[in-house]
Protein backbone atom coordinates (compact mmCIF):
# COMPACT_ATOMS: atom_id res chain seq x y z
CA GLN A 1 0.00 0.00 0.00
CA VAL A 2 1.29 3.43 -0.95
CA HIS A 3 1.00 6.46 1.31
CA LEU A 4 1.28 9.98 -0.14
CA VAL A 5 1.88 13.20 1.79
CA GLU A 6 1.89 16.60 0.09
CA SER A 7 3.70 19.68 1.38
CA GLY A 8 4.77 23.12 0.21
CA GLY A 9 1.43 24.83 -0.15
CA GLY A 10 0.79 28.32 1.17
CA SER A 11 -0.15 31.85 0.24
CA VAL A 12 1.64 33.68 -2.55
CA GLN A 13 1.07 36.77 -4.62
CA ALA A 14 0.26 36.55 -8.30
CA GLY A 15 3.43 36.20 -10.33
CA GLY A 16 5.24 34.40 -7.56
CA SER A 17 6.39 30.81 -7.21
CA LEU A 18 5.76 27.77 -5.05
CA ARG A 19 7.25 24.30 -5.00
CA LEU A 20 5.04 21.45 -3.92
CA ALA A 21 6.41 18.10 -2.85
CA CYS A 22 4.79 14.68 -2.54
CA ALA A 23 6.54 12.15 -0.33
CA VAL A 24 5.77 8.53 -1.16
CA SER A 25 6.06 5.83 1.49
CA GLY A 26 4.83 2.30 2.08
CA SER A 27 5.14 -0.07 -0.86
CA THR A 28 7.68 2.02 -2.70
CA ALA A 29 9.46 -0.79 -4.50
CA SER A 30 7.42 0.01 -7.60
CA PHE A 31 7.59 3.80 -7.22
CA ALA A 32 9.90 4.19 -10.17
CA SER A 33 7.28 2.58 -12.43
CA TYR A 34 4.31 4.58 -11.18
CA CYS A 35 2.49 7.21 -13.14
CA MET A 36 2.50 10.14 -10.69
CA GLY A 37 0.08 12.99 -11.03
CA TRP A 38 -0.80 16.32 -9.50
CA PHE A 39 -4.45 17.31 -9.41
CA ARG A 40 -6.23 20.32 -7.98
CA GLN A 41 -9.69 21.20 -6.80
CA ALA A 42 -11.00 24.70 -6.24
CA PRO A 43 -14.11 25.35 -4.13
CA GLY A 44 -17.25 24.45 -6.07
CA LYS A 45 -15.31 22.92 -8.94
CA GLN A 46 -14.42 19.41 -10.00
CA ARG A 47 -11.01 17.96 -9.39
CA GLU A 48 -8.83 18.40 -12.45
CA GLY A 49 -5.52 17.09 -13.67
CA VAL A 50 -2.60 19.51 -13.59
CA ALA A 51 0.53 17.53 -14.45
CA ARG A 52 1.74 13.95 -14.58
CA ILE A 53 5.01 12.09 -15.12
CA ASP A 54 5.64 8.51 -16.17
CA ASP A 55 8.45 6.10 -15.40
CA TRP A 56 10.44 7.42 -18.36
CA GLU A 57 9.93 10.95 -17.02
CA HIS A 58 7.70 11.90 -19.93
CA THR A 59 5.38 14.65 -18.79
CA LYS A 60 1.94 15.97 -19.61
CA TYR A 61 0.37 19.24 -18.49
CA ALA A 62 -3.05 20.81 -18.49
CA ASP A 63 -3.24 23.62 -21.02
CA SER A 64 -3.86 26.11 -18.22
CA VAL A 65 -0.44 25.50 -16.64
CA LYS A 66 1.78 24.74 -19.64
CA GLY A 67 4.92 26.83 -19.60
CA ARG A 68 4.42 27.80 -15.94
CA PHE A 69 4.43 24.52 -13.99
CA THR A 70 7.01 21.75 -14.05
CA ILE A 71 6.61 18.26 -12.63
CA SER A 72 9.64 16.17 -11.69
CA ARG A 73 10.44 13.10 -9.66
CA ASP A 74 13.29 11.95 -7.46
CA LYS A 75 13.19 8.18 -7.77
CA ARG A 76 15.81 7.62 -5.09
CA GLY A 77 14.00 9.87 -2.63
CA ASN A 78 10.53 8.62 -3.59
CA THR A 79 9.36 12.19 -4.06
CA VAL A 80 7.46 14.02 -6.76
CA PHE A 81 7.65 17.80 -7.14
CA LEU A 82 5.52 20.46 -8.77
CA GLN A 83 7.32 23.72 -9.43
CA MET A 84 4.74 26.45 -9.87
CA ASN A 85 5.96 29.69 -11.46
CA THR A 86 4.14 32.83 -12.49
CA VAL A 87 1.13 31.75 -10.49
CA LYS A 88 -2.27 33.30 -11.05
CA PRO A 89 -5.28 33.72 -8.75
CA GLU A 90 -7.05 30.99 -10.73
CA ASP A 91 -4.34 28.56 -9.61
CA SER A 92 -5.76 28.77 -6.07
CA ALA A 93 -6.94 25.30 -5.04
CA MET A 94 -6.24 22.26 -2.93
CA TYR A 95 -3.48 20.35 -4.70
CA TYR A 96 -3.40 16.57 -4.52
CA CYS A 97 -0.72 14.06 -5.40
CA ALA A 98 -1.82 10.70 -6.81
CA ALA A 99 -0.24 7.43 -7.92
CA ALA A 100 -1.31 5.06 -10.67
CA SER A 101 0.04 2.19 -12.67
CA SER A 102 2.07 3.19 -15.70
CA ASN A 103 -0.95 2.67 -17.99
CA ALA A 104 -2.56 5.82 -16.62
CA CYS A 105 0.16 7.98 -18.15
CA ALA A 106 -0.37 6.35 -21.53
CA SER A 107 -3.93 7.63 -21.64
CA ASP A 108 -4.93 10.94 -23.18
CA SER A 109 -7.39 11.54 -20.36
CA TRP A 110 -7.01 12.52 -16.71
CA LEU A 111 -9.26 9.74 -15.39
CA LEU A 112 -9.30 10.10 -11.62
CA SER A 113 -10.41 6.50 -11.10
CA SER A 114 -7.13 5.32 -12.67
CA TYR A 115 -5.22 6.58 -9.63
CA HIS A 116 -5.23 4.11 -6.74
CA ALA A 117 -3.57 6.26 -4.08
CA TRP A 118 -4.16 9.88 -3.11
CA GLY A 119 -2.70 12.28 -0.60
CA LYS A 120 -4.81 14.56 1.60
CA GLY A 121 -3.76 17.67 -0.27
CA THR A 122 -1.95 20.94 0.31
CA LEU A 123 -3.67 24.30 -0.05
CA VAL A 124 -2.40 26.95 -2.47
CA THR A 125 -3.80 30.45 -2.30
CA VAL A 126 -2.78 33.07 -4.86
CA SER A 127 -3.69 36.68 -4.20
CA SER A 128 -3.92 39.35 -6.86
């Protein structure tokens, strides 16, 4: 069983930066093969995919964050990062880390049900 804990959220002004981290523990022997994703959910809105990275470190981003956010993974440290630059008020949300089998990263969709483990989230608030 995989346990995910997010950190790094906080309050930041528009145009600023934040770096989120997701620490993976538990059954980490397969971590290197996981499809790891970052999702976010703003109040009153559905949870949406933000970025994901596969075992070959190929990445995919939502159109709304392309060019501003970067996902990366430290396989030795069992950690996934989300570098958020030039943030906007519309980036304000609870950010969640999730793990899936490698097949999830091969899909064109951001199907939440494909992810078998989720963290509890870290809150990001961007002020204008």
